[in-house]
Amino acid sequence: MWIDEAHFNIRGLECPHCTRRFVSVFTETIDWSRGDDGQSWTMAPVTLGEFERVEALLASSIEAALHVVPSGRRSLRRDHPSGGDARTFWATGIGVAFNG
């Protein structure tokens, strides 16, 4: 686990069978009024070089590290919005929004 916070984590994963690498990002948005926190999880395959660059950049910039994953890269996403139903679907990129 590269970053492990209560509502945000980033993991580097490796398949024990094929050694393919992945970057996994989990975010949770606190719903203070209803207590139904929205959650999003994304898993994107990466090359060994991308994996190593993400790991190296995380110490200085989360945003720069996640931009290593190409925005057009196919990824698996699971979203469970506050007050809504969970859904799992194919998307592209990591899909994490950063506020300025």
PDB file of N, CA and C in Angstrom:
ATOM      1  N   MET A   1       0.864  -1.175   0.000  1.00  0.00           N
ATOM      2  CA  MET A   1       0.000   0.000   0.000  1.00  0.00           C
ATOM      3  C   MET A   1       0.903   1.229   0.000  1.00  0.00           C
ATOM      4  N   TRP A   2       0.734   2.077  -0.983  1.00  0.00           N
ATOM      5  CA  TRP A   2       1.559   3.275  -1.094  1.00  0.00           C
ATOM      6  C   TRP A   2       0.996   4.407  -0.237  1.00  0.00           C
ATOM      7  N   ILE A   3      -0.313   4.613  -0.296  1.00  0.00           N
ATOM      8  CA  ILE A   3      -0.965   5.634   0.525  1.00  0.00           C
ATOM      9  C   ILE A   3      -2.157   4.965   1.188  1.00  0.00           C
ATOM     10  N   ASP A   4      -2.256   5.111   2.505  1.00  0.00           N
ATOM     11  CA  ASP A   4      -3.337   4.465   3.246  1.00  0.00           C
ATOM     12  C   ASP A   4      -3.930   5.465   4.233  1.00  0.00           C
ATOM     13  N   GLU A   5      -4.957   6.162   3.779  1.00  0.00           N
ATOM     14  CA  GLU A   5      -5.671   7.104   4.633  1.00  0.00           C
ATOM     15  C   GLU A   5      -7.101   6.621   4.794  1.00  0.00           C
ATOM     16  N   ALA A   6      -7.835   7.195   5.720  1.00  0.00           N
ATOM     17  CA  ALA A   6      -9.186   6.742   6.019  1.00  0.00           C
ATOM     18  C   ALA A   6     -10.123   6.785   4.811  1.00  0.00           C
ATOM     19  N   HIS A   7      -9.995   7.794   3.961  1.00  0.00           N
ATOM     20  CA  HIS A   7     -10.935   7.962   2.855  1.00  0.00           C
ATOM     21  C   HIS A   7     -10.251   7.991   1.491  1.00  0.00           C
ATOM     22  N   PHE A   8      -8.982   7.612   1.457  1.00  0.00           N
ATOM     23  CA  PHE A   8      -8.227   7.647   0.210  1.00  0.00           C
ATOM     24  C   PHE A   8      -7.062   6.677   0.314  1.00  0.00           C
ATOM     25  N   ASN A   9      -6.922   5.790  -0.664  1.00  0.00           N
ATOM     26  CA  ASN A   9      -5.728   4.953  -0.685  1.00  0.00           C
ATOM     27  C   ASN A   9      -5.312   4.642  -2.107  1.00  0.00           C
ATOM     28  N   ILE A  10      -4.024   4.429  -2.256  1.00  0.00           N
ATOM     29  CA  ILE A  10      -3.432   4.041  -3.531  1.00  0.00           C
ATOM     30  C   ILE A  10      -2.556   2.827  -3.266  1.00  0.00           C
ATOM     31  N   ARG A  11      -2.767   1.806  -4.084  1.00  0.00           N
ATOM     32  CA  ARG A  11      -1.991   0.575  -3.954  1.00  0.00           C
ATOM     33  C   ARG A  11      -1.335   0.226  -5.269  1.00  0.00           C
ATOM     34  N   GLY A  12      -0.181  -0.361  -5.174  1.00  0.00           N
ATOM     35  CA  GLY A  12       0.450  -0.988  -6.319  1.00  0.00           C
ATOM     36  C   GLY A  12       0.261  -2.483  -6.152  1.00  0.00           C
ATOM     37  N   LEU A  13      -0.302  -3.129  -7.151  1.00  0.00           N
ATOM     38  CA  LEU A  13      -0.602  -4.556  -7.062  1.00  0.00           C
ATOM     39  C   LEU A  13       0.111  -5.326  -8.164  1.00  0.00           C
ATOM     40  N   GLU A  14       0.447  -6.577  -7.880  1.00  0.00           N
ATOM     41  CA  GLU A  14       1.067  -7.444  -8.872  1.00  0.00           C
ATOM     42  C   GLU A  14       0.384  -8.805  -8.843  1.00  0.00           C
ATOM     43  N   CYS A  15      -0.014  -9.296 -10.008  1.00  0.00           N
ATOM     44  CA  CYS A  15      -0.633 -10.617 -10.108  1.00  0.00           C
ATOM     45  C   CYS A  15       0.434 -11.678  -9.813  1.00  0.00           C
ATOM     46  N   PRO A  16       0.179 -12.588  -8.874  1.00  0.00           N
ATOM     47  CA  PRO A  16       1.182 -13.599  -8.535  1.00  0.00           C
ATOM     48  C   PRO A  16       1.381 -14.641  -9.648  1.00  0.00           C
ATOM     49  N   HIS A  17       0.448 -14.706 -10.585  1.00  0.00           N
ATOM     50  CA  HIS A  17       0.541 -15.711 -11.651  1.00  0.00           C
ATOM     51  C   HIS A  17       1.245 -15.186 -12.898  1.00  0.00           C
ATOM     52  N   CYS A  18       0.888 -13.973 -13.334  1.00  0.00           N
ATOM     53  CA  CYS A  18       1.445 -13.449 -14.594  1.00  0.00           C
ATOM     54  C   CYS A  18       2.392 -12.272 -14.378  1.00  0.00           C
ATOM     55  N   THR A  19       2.513 -11.784 -13.165  1.00  0.00           N
ATOM     56  CA  THR A  19       3.331 -10.636 -12.753  1.00  0.00           C
ATOM     57  C   THR A  19       2.887  -9.313 -13.380  1.00  0.00           C
ATOM     58  N   ARG A  20       1.693  -9.277 -13.954  1.00  0.00           N
ATOM     59  CA  ARG A  20       1.141  -8.013 -14.473  1.00  0.00           C
ATOM     60  C   ARG A  20       0.939  -7.070 -13.297  1.00  0.00           C
ATOM     61  N   ARG A  21       1.180  -5.776 -13.509  1.00  0.00           N
ATOM     62  CA  ARG A  21       1.058  -4.796 -12.426  1.00  0.00           C
ATOM     63  C   ARG A  21      -0.150  -3.891 -12.648  1.00  0.00           C
ATOM     64  N   PHE A  22      -0.675  -3.387 -11.521  1.00  0.00           N
ATOM     65  CA  PHE A  22      -1.859  -2.540 -11.530  1.00  0.00           C
ATOM     66  C   PHE A  22      -1.696  -1.421 -10.512  1.00  0.00           C
ATOM     67  N   VAL A  23      -2.372  -0.317 -10.773  1.00  0.00           N
ATOM     68  CA  VAL A  23      -2.501   0.751  -9.794  1.00  0.00           C
ATOM     69  C   VAL A  23      -3.970   0.788  -9.395  1.00  0.00           C
ATOM     70  N   SER A  24      -4.230   0.752  -8.108  1.00  0.00           N
ATOM     71  CA  SER A  24      -5.581   0.774  -7.566  1.00  0.00           C
ATOM     72  C   SER A  24      -5.757   2.043  -6.733  1.00  0.00           C
ATOM     73  N   VAL A  25      -6.855   2.776  -6.994  1.00  0.00           N
ATOM     74  CA  VAL A  25      -7.138   4.017  -6.267  1.00  0.00           C
ATOM     75  C   VAL A  25      -8.545   3.936  -5.687  1.00  0.00           C
ATOM     76  N   PHE A  26      -8.665   4.191  -4.398  1.00  0.00           N
ATOM     77  CA  PHE A  26      -9.959   4.220  -3.703  1.00  0.00           C
ATOM     78  C   PHE A  26     -10.164   5.613  -3.121  1.00  0.00           C
ATOM     79  N   THR A  27     -11.340   6.172  -3.360  1.00  0.00           N
ATOM     80  CA  THR A  27     -11.699   7.459  -2.756  1.00  0.00           C
ATOM     81  C   THR A  27     -13.083   7.349  -2.127  1.00  0.00           C
ATOM     82  N   GLU A  28     -13.257   8.061  -1.040  1.00  0.00           N
ATOM     83  CA  GLU A  28     -14.547   8.115  -0.353  1.00  0.00           C
ATOM     84  C   GLU A  28     -14.843   9.571  -0.022  1.00  0.00           C
ATOM     85  N   THR A  29     -16.024  10.028  -0.405  1.00  0.00           N
ATOM     86  CA  THR A  29     -16.446  11.394  -0.130  1.00  0.00           C
ATOM     87  C   THR A  29     -17.439  11.361   1.030  1.00  0.00           C
ATOM     88  N   ILE A  30     -17.118  12.047   2.099  1.00  0.00           N
ATOM     89  CA  ILE A  30     -17.962  12.022   3.293  1.00  0.00           C
ATOM     90  C   ILE A  30     -19.252  12.800   3.042  1.00  0.00           C
ATOM     91  N   ASP A  31     -20.370  12.158   3.338  1.00  0.00           N
ATOM     92  CA  ASP A  31     -21.688  12.787   3.247  1.00  0.00           C
ATOM     93  C   ASP A  31     -22.100  13.143   4.676  1.00  0.00           C
ATOM     94  N   TRP A  32     -21.789  14.370   5.073  1.00  0.00           N
ATOM     95  CA  TRP A  32     -22.024  14.785   6.453  1.00  0.00           C
ATOM     96  C   TRP A  32     -23.500  14.857   6.800  1.00  0.00           C
ATOM     97  N   SER A  33     -24.370  15.092   5.848  1.00  0.00           N
ATOM     98  CA  SER A  33     -25.794  15.261   6.159  1.00  0.00           C
ATOM     99  C   SER A  33     -26.536  13.930   6.270  1.00  0.00           C
ATOM    100  N   ARG A  34     -26.237  12.981   5.406  1.00  0.00           N
ATOM    101  CA  ARG A  34     -26.988  11.710   5.420  1.00  0.00           C
ATOM    102  C   ARG A  34     -26.162  10.519   5.884  1.00  0.00           C
ATOM    103  N   GLY A  35     -24.851  10.676   5.909  1.00  0.00           N
ATOM    104  CA  GLY A  35     -23.992   9.575   6.356  1.00  0.00           C
ATOM    105  C   GLY A  35     -23.835   8.474   5.312  1.00  0.00           C
ATOM    106  N   ASP A  36     -24.254   8.735   4.083  1.00  0.00           N
ATOM    107  CA  ASP A  36     -24.156   7.759   3.004  1.00  0.00           C
ATOM    108  C   ASP A  36     -22.973   8.157   2.116  1.00  0.00           C
ATOM    109  N   ASP A  37     -21.768   7.806   2.558  1.00  0.00           N
ATOM    110  CA  ASP A  37     -20.557   8.246   1.876  1.00  0.00           C
ATOM    111  C   ASP A  37     -20.436   7.642   0.482  1.00  0.00           C
ATOM    112  N   GLY A  38     -20.178   8.496  -0.505  1.00  0.00           N
ATOM    113  CA  GLY A  38     -19.934   8.029  -1.863  1.00  0.00           C
ATOM    114  C   GLY A  38     -18.538   7.421  -1.955  1.00  0.00           C
ATOM    115  N   GLN A  39     -18.420   6.318  -2.693  1.00  0.00           N
ATOM    116  CA  GLN A  39     -17.143   5.636  -2.828  1.00  0.00           C
ATOM    117  C   GLN A  39     -16.848   5.349  -4.293  1.00  0.00           C
ATOM    118  N   SER A  40     -15.569   5.395  -4.643  1.00  0.00           N
ATOM    119  CA  SER A  40     -15.138   5.077  -5.993  1.00  0.00           C
ATOM    120  C   SER A  40     -13.832   4.301  -5.914  1.00  0.00           C
ATOM    121  N   TRP A  41     -13.723   3.279  -6.749  1.00  0.00           N
ATOM    122  CA  TRP A  41     -12.523   2.457  -6.797  1.00  0.00           C
ATOM    123  C   TRP A  41     -12.162   2.251  -8.254  1.00  0.00           C
ATOM    124  N   THR A  42     -10.905   2.422  -8.596  1.00  0.00           N
ATOM    125  CA  THR A  42     -10.429   2.238  -9.966  1.00  0.00           C
ATOM    126  C   THR A  42      -9.184   1.377  -9.957  1.00  0.00           C
ATOM    127  N   MET A  43      -9.123   0.434 -10.908  1.00  0.00           N
ATOM    128  CA  MET A  43      -7.939  -0.406 -11.070  1.00  0.00           C
ATOM    129  C   MET A  43      -7.509  -0.320 -12.528  1.00  0.00           C
ATOM    130  N   ALA A  44      -6.257   0.098 -12.742  1.00  0.00           N
ATOM    131  CA  ALA A  44      -5.724   0.252 -14.098  1.00  0.00           C
ATOM    132  C   ALA A  44      -4.446  -0.569 -14.252  1.00  0.00           C
ATOM    133  N   PRO A  45      -4.326  -1.324 -15.335  1.00  0.00           N
ATOM    134  CA  PRO A  45      -3.076  -2.037 -15.603  1.00  0.00           C
ATOM    135  C   PRO A  45      -1.993  -1.041 -16.010  1.00  0.00           C
ATOM    136  N   VAL A  46      -0.765  -1.319 -15.605  1.00  0.00           N
ATOM    137  CA  VAL A  46       0.363  -0.447 -15.954  1.00  0.00           C
ATOM    138  C   VAL A  46       1.558  -1.304 -16.347  1.00  0.00           C
ATOM    139  N   THR A  47       2.462  -0.695 -17.088  1.00  0.00           N
ATOM    140  CA  THR A  47       3.713  -1.365 -17.413  1.00  0.00           C
ATOM    141  C   THR A  47       4.622  -1.325 -16.188  1.00  0.00           C
ATOM    142  N   LEU A  48       5.689  -2.095 -16.225  1.00  0.00           N
ATOM    143  CA  LEU A  48       6.651  -2.077 -15.120  1.00  0.00           C
ATOM    144  C   LEU A  48       7.239  -0.673 -14.953  1.00  0.00           C
ATOM    145  N   GLY A  49       7.577  -0.019 -16.061  1.00  0.00           N
ATOM    146  CA  GLY A  49       8.127   1.336 -15.986  1.00  0.00           C
ATOM    147  C   GLY A  49       7.146   2.324 -15.385  1.00  0.00           C
ATOM    148  N   GLU A  50       5.874   2.239 -15.781  1.00  0.00           N
ATOM    149  CA  GLU A  50       4.844   3.133 -15.220  1.00  0.00           C
ATOM    150  C   GLU A  50       4.670   2.869 -13.730  1.00  0.00           C
ATOM    151  N   PHE A  51       4.650   1.597 -13.359  1.00  0.00           N
ATOM    152  CA  PHE A  51       4.510   1.201 -11.953  1.00  0.00           C
ATOM    153  C   PHE A  51       5.618   1.837 -11.115  1.00  0.00           C
ATOM    154  N   GLU A  52       6.850   1.736 -11.597  1.00  0.00           N
ATOM    155  CA  GLU A  52       7.991   2.282 -10.867  1.00  0.00           C
ATOM    156  C   GLU A  52       7.945   3.809 -10.811  1.00  0.00           C
ATOM    157  N   ARG A  53       7.490   4.453 -11.895  1.00  0.00           N
ATOM    158  CA  ARG A  53       7.379   5.922 -11.903  1.00  0.00           C
ATOM    159  C   ARG A  53       6.302   6.397 -10.932  1.00  0.00           C
ATOM    160  N   VAL A  54       5.148   5.708 -10.902  1.00  0.00           N
ATOM    161  CA  VAL A  54       4.085   6.068  -9.948  1.00  0.00           C
ATOM    162  C   VAL A  54       4.634   5.977  -8.533  1.00  0.00           C
ATOM    163  N   GLU A  55       5.273   4.866  -8.218  1.00  0.00           N
ATOM    164  CA  GLU A  55       5.814   4.656  -6.871  1.00  0.00           C
ATOM    165  C   GLU A  55       6.822   5.748  -6.501  1.00  0.00           C
ATOM    166  N   ALA A  56       7.686   6.118  -7.427  1.00  0.00           N
ATOM    167  CA  ALA A  56       8.709   7.131  -7.152  1.00  0.00           C
ATOM    168  C   ALA A  56       8.109   8.522  -6.992  1.00  0.00           C
ATOM    169  N   LEU A  57       7.107   8.862  -7.793  1.00  0.00           N
ATOM    170  CA  LEU A  57       6.527  10.203  -7.753  1.00  0.00           C
ATOM    171  C   LEU A  57       5.593  10.446  -6.571  1.00  0.00           C
ATOM    172  N   LEU A  58       5.043   9.394  -5.997  1.00  0.00           N
ATOM    173  CA  LEU A  58       4.075   9.567  -4.910  1.00  0.00           C
ATOM    174  C   LEU A  58       4.633  10.334  -3.722  1.00  0.00           C
ATOM    175  N   ALA A  59       5.915  10.225  -3.478  1.00  0.00           N
ATOM    176  CA  ALA A  59       6.516  10.927  -2.340  1.00  0.00           C
ATOM    177  C   ALA A  59       6.438  12.447  -2.502  1.00  0.00           C
ATOM    178  N   SER A  60       6.428  12.932  -3.750  1.00  0.00           N
ATOM    179  CA  SER A  60       6.412  14.378  -3.960  1.00  0.00           C
ATOM    180  C   SER A  60       5.087  14.911  -4.484  1.00  0.00           C
ATOM    181  N   SER A  61       4.339  14.110  -5.251  1.00  0.00           N
ATOM    182  CA  SER A  61       3.092  14.620  -5.830  1.00  0.00           C
ATOM    183  C   SER A  61       2.162  13.478  -6.225  1.00  0.00           C
ATOM    184  N   ILE A  62       1.052  13.365  -5.525  1.00  0.00           N
ATOM    185  CA  ILE A  62       0.058  12.348  -5.864  1.00  0.00           C
ATOM    186  C   ILE A  62      -0.483  12.592  -7.261  1.00  0.00           C
ATOM    187  N   GLU A  63      -0.784  13.834  -7.563  1.00  0.00           N
ATOM    188  CA  GLU A  63      -1.342  14.172  -8.874  1.00  0.00           C
ATOM    189  C   GLU A  63      -0.384  13.788 -10.002  1.00  0.00           C
ATOM    190  N   ALA A  64       0.880  14.135  -9.888  1.00  0.00           N
ATOM    191  CA  ALA A  64       1.858  13.789 -10.917  1.00  0.00           C
ATOM    192  C   ALA A  64       2.001  12.277 -11.040  1.00  0.00           C
ATOM    193  N   ALA A  65       1.981  11.583  -9.914  1.00  0.00           N
ATOM    194  CA  ALA A  65       2.110  10.132  -9.937  1.00  0.00           C
ATOM    195  C   ALA A  65       0.961   9.482 -10.696  1.00  0.00           C
ATOM    196  N   LEU A  66      -0.258   9.929 -10.452  1.00  0.00           N
ATOM    197  CA  LEU A  66      -1.412   9.316 -11.108  1.00  0.00           C
ATOM    198  C   LEU A  66      -1.512   9.719 -12.571  1.00  0.00           C
ATOM    199  N   HIS A  67      -0.900  10.836 -12.942  1.00  0.00           N
ATOM    200  CA  HIS A  67      -0.893  11.236 -14.353  1.00  0.00           C
ATOM    201  C   HIS A  67       0.066  10.374 -15.178  1.00  0.00           C
ATOM    202  N   VAL A  68       0.868   9.532 -14.525  1.00  0.00           N
ATOM    203  CA  VAL A  68       1.731   8.591 -15.240  1.00  0.00           C
ATOM    204  C   VAL A  68       0.874   7.598 -16.026  1.00  0.00           C
ATOM    205  N   VAL A  69      -0.269   7.227 -15.447  1.00  0.00           N
ATOM    206  CA  VAL A  69      -1.176   6.297 -16.128  1.00  0.00           C
ATOM    207  C   VAL A  69      -1.845   7.061 -17.271  1.00  0.00           C
ATOM    208  N   PRO A  70      -1.659   6.617 -18.520  1.00  0.00           N
ATOM    209  CA  PRO A  70      -2.237   7.349 -19.649  1.00  0.00           C
ATOM    210  C   PRO A  70      -3.751   7.512 -19.525  1.00  0.00           C
ATOM    211  N   SER A  71      -4.246   8.701 -19.862  1.00  0.00           N
ATOM    212  CA  SER A  71      -5.674   8.991 -19.708  1.00  0.00           C
ATOM    213  C   SER A  71      -6.546   8.097 -20.580  1.00  0.00           C
ATOM    214  N   GLY A  72      -6.004   7.542 -21.639  1.00  0.00           N
ATOM    215  CA  GLY A  72      -6.771   6.646 -22.499  1.00  0.00           C
ATOM    216  C   GLY A  72      -6.681   5.181 -22.114  1.00  0.00           C
ATOM    217  N   ARG A  73      -5.937   4.860 -21.053  1.00  0.00           N
ATOM    218  CA  ARG A  73      -5.769   3.471 -20.616  1.00  0.00           C
ATOM    219  C   ARG A  73      -7.082   2.934 -20.066  1.00  0.00           C
ATOM    220  N   ARG A  74      -7.481   1.783 -20.528  1.00  0.00           N
ATOM    221  CA  ARG A  74      -8.711   1.158 -20.056  1.00  0.00           C
ATOM    222  C   ARG A  74      -8.540   0.747 -18.594  1.00  0.00           C
ATOM    223  N   SER A  75      -9.562   1.006 -17.784  1.00  0.00           N
ATOM    224  CA  SER A  75      -9.517   0.678 -16.364  1.00  0.00           C
ATOM    225  C   SER A  75     -10.874   0.147 -15.918  1.00  0.00           C
ATOM    226  N   LEU A  76     -10.859  -0.585 -14.827  1.00  0.00           N
ATOM    227  CA  LEU A  76     -12.093  -1.105 -14.242  1.00  0.00           C
ATOM    228  C   LEU A  76     -12.485  -0.182 -13.104  1.00  0.00           C
ATOM    229  N   ARG A  77     -13.725   0.264 -13.093  1.00  0.00           N
ATOM    230  CA  ARG A  77     -14.177   1.210 -12.081  1.00  0.00           C
ATOM    231  C   ARG A  77     -15.430   0.685 -11.387  1.00  0.00           C
ATOM    232  N   ARG A  78     -15.501   0.964 -10.094  1.00  0.00           N
ATOM    233  CA  ARG A  78     -16.707   0.680  -9.307  1.00  0.00           C
ATOM    234  C   ARG A  78     -17.057   1.963  -8.572  1.00  0.00           C
ATOM    235  N   ASP A  79     -18.228   2.494  -8.863  1.00  0.00           N
ATOM    236  CA  ASP A  79     -18.709   3.703  -8.205  1.00  0.00           C
ATOM    237  C   ASP A  79     -19.957   3.389  -7.404  1.00  0.00           C
ATOM    238  N   HIS A  80     -19.996   3.925  -6.211  1.00  0.00           N
ATOM    239  CA  HIS A  80     -21.179   3.830  -5.363  1.00  0.00           C
ATOM    240  C   HIS A  80     -21.460   5.236  -4.844  1.00  0.00           C
ATOM    241  N   PRO A  81     -22.231   6.011  -5.623  1.00  0.00           N
ATOM    242  CA  PRO A  81     -22.475   7.402  -5.233  1.00  0.00           C
ATOM    243  C   PRO A  81     -23.366   7.513  -3.998  1.00  0.00           C
ATOM    244  N   SER A  82     -23.214   8.589  -3.281  1.00  0.00           N
ATOM    245  CA  SER A  82     -24.067   8.875  -2.126  1.00  0.00           C
ATOM    246  C   SER A  82     -25.527   8.874  -2.577  1.00  0.00           C
ATOM    247  N   GLY A  83     -26.335   8.065  -1.932  1.00  0.00           N
ATOM    248  CA  GLY A  83     -27.762   8.000  -2.262  1.00  0.00           C
ATOM    249  C   GLY A  83     -28.083   7.226  -3.524  1.00  0.00           C
ATOM    250  N   GLY A  84     -27.097   6.577  -4.123  1.00  0.00           N
ATOM    251  CA  GLY A  84     -27.335   5.856  -5.374  1.00  0.00           C
ATOM    252  C   GLY A  84     -26.918   4.402  -5.294  1.00  0.00           C
ATOM    253  N   ASP A  85     -27.136   3.717  -6.397  1.00  0.00           N
ATOM    254  CA  ASP A  85     -26.774   2.307  -6.495  1.00  0.00           C
ATOM    255  C   ASP A  85     -25.336   2.159  -6.995  1.00  0.00           C
ATOM    256  N   ALA A  86     -24.668   1.128  -6.516  1.00  0.00           N
ATOM    257  CA  ALA A  86     -23.312   0.835  -6.977  1.00  0.00           C
ATOM    258  C   ALA A  86     -23.369   0.292  -8.394  1.00  0.00           C
ATOM    259  N   ARG A  87     -22.329   0.632  -9.173  1.00  0.00           N
ATOM    260  CA  ARG A  87     -22.215   0.066 -10.507  1.00  0.00           C
ATOM    261  C   ARG A  87     -20.748  -0.158 -10.821  1.00  0.00           C
ATOM    262  N   THR A  88     -20.484  -1.180 -11.601  1.00  0.00           N
ATOM    263  CA  THR A  88     -19.135  -1.522 -12.033  1.00  0.00           C
ATOM    264  C   THR A  88     -19.100  -1.427 -13.548  1.00  0.00           C
ATOM    265  N   PHE A  89     -18.047  -0.795 -14.089  1.00  0.00           N
ATOM    266  CA  PHE A  89     -17.996  -0.573 -15.523  1.00  0.00           C
ATOM    267  C   PHE A  89     -16.561  -0.332 -15.983  1.00  0.00           C
ATOM    268  N   TRP A  90     -16.361  -0.458 -17.288  1.00  0.00           N
ATOM    269  CA  TRP A  90     -15.072  -0.130 -17.893  1.00  0.00           C
ATOM    270  C   TRP A  90     -15.021   1.363 -18.147  1.00  0.00           C
ATOM    271  N   ALA A  91     -13.868   1.965 -17.880  1.00  0.00           N
ATOM    272  CA  ALA A  91     -13.667   3.393 -18.090  1.00  0.00           C
ATOM    273  C   ALA A  91     -12.254   3.570 -18.677  1.00  0.00           C
ATOM    274  N   THR A  92     -11.786   4.803 -18.713  1.00  0.00           N
ATOM    275  CA  THR A  92     -10.417   5.055 -19.135  1.00  0.00           C
ATOM    276  C   THR A  92      -9.719   5.919 -18.094  1.00  0.00           C
ATOM    277  N   GLY A  93      -8.419   5.704 -17.932  1.00  0.00           N
ATOM    278  CA  GLY A  93      -7.624   6.463 -16.980  1.00  0.00           C
ATOM    279  C   GLY A  93      -7.950   6.118 -15.540  1.00  0.00           C
ATOM    280  N   ILE A  94      -7.386   6.906 -14.642  1.00  0.00           N
ATOM    281  CA  ILE A  94      -7.596   6.709 -13.206  1.00  0.00           C
ATOM    282  C   ILE A  94      -8.889   7.376 -12.745  1.00  0.00           C
ATOM    283  N   GLY A  95      -9.211   8.546 -13.290  1.00  0.00           N
ATOM    284  CA  GLY A  95     -10.479   9.185 -12.981  1.00  0.00           C
ATOM    285  C   GLY A  95     -10.581   9.841 -11.622  1.00  0.00           C
ATOM    286  N   VAL A  96      -9.470  10.260 -11.056  1.00  0.00           N
ATOM    287  CA  VAL A  96      -9.480  10.944  -9.773  1.00  0.00           C
ATOM    288  C   VAL A  96      -9.407  12.437 -10.026  1.00  0.00           C
ATOM    289  N   ALA A  97     -10.355  13.180  -9.481  1.00  0.00           N
ATOM    290  CA  ALA A  97     -10.362  14.639  -9.656  1.00  0.00           C
ATOM    291  C   ALA A  97      -9.553  15.282  -8.544  1.00  0.00           C
ATOM    292  N   PHE A  98      -8.797  16.306  -8.889  1.00  0.00           N
ATOM    293  CA  PHE A  98      -8.002  17.041  -7.916  1.00  0.00           C
ATOM    294  C   PHE A  98      -8.508  18.467  -7.870  1.00  0.00           C
ATOM    295  N   ASN A  99      -8.609  19.004  -6.675  1.00  0.00           N
ATOM    296  CA  ASN A  99      -9.001  20.404  -6.511  1.00  0.00           C
ATOM    297  C   ASN A  99      -7.749  21.238  -6.309  1.00  0.00           C
ATOM    298  N   GLY A 100      -7.548  22.170  -7.268  1.00  0.00           N
ATOM    299  CA  GLY A 100      -6.498  23.083  -7.355  1.00  0.00           C
ATOM    300  C   GLY A 100      -5.422  23.296  -6.482  1.00  0.00           C
TER     301      GLY A 100
END
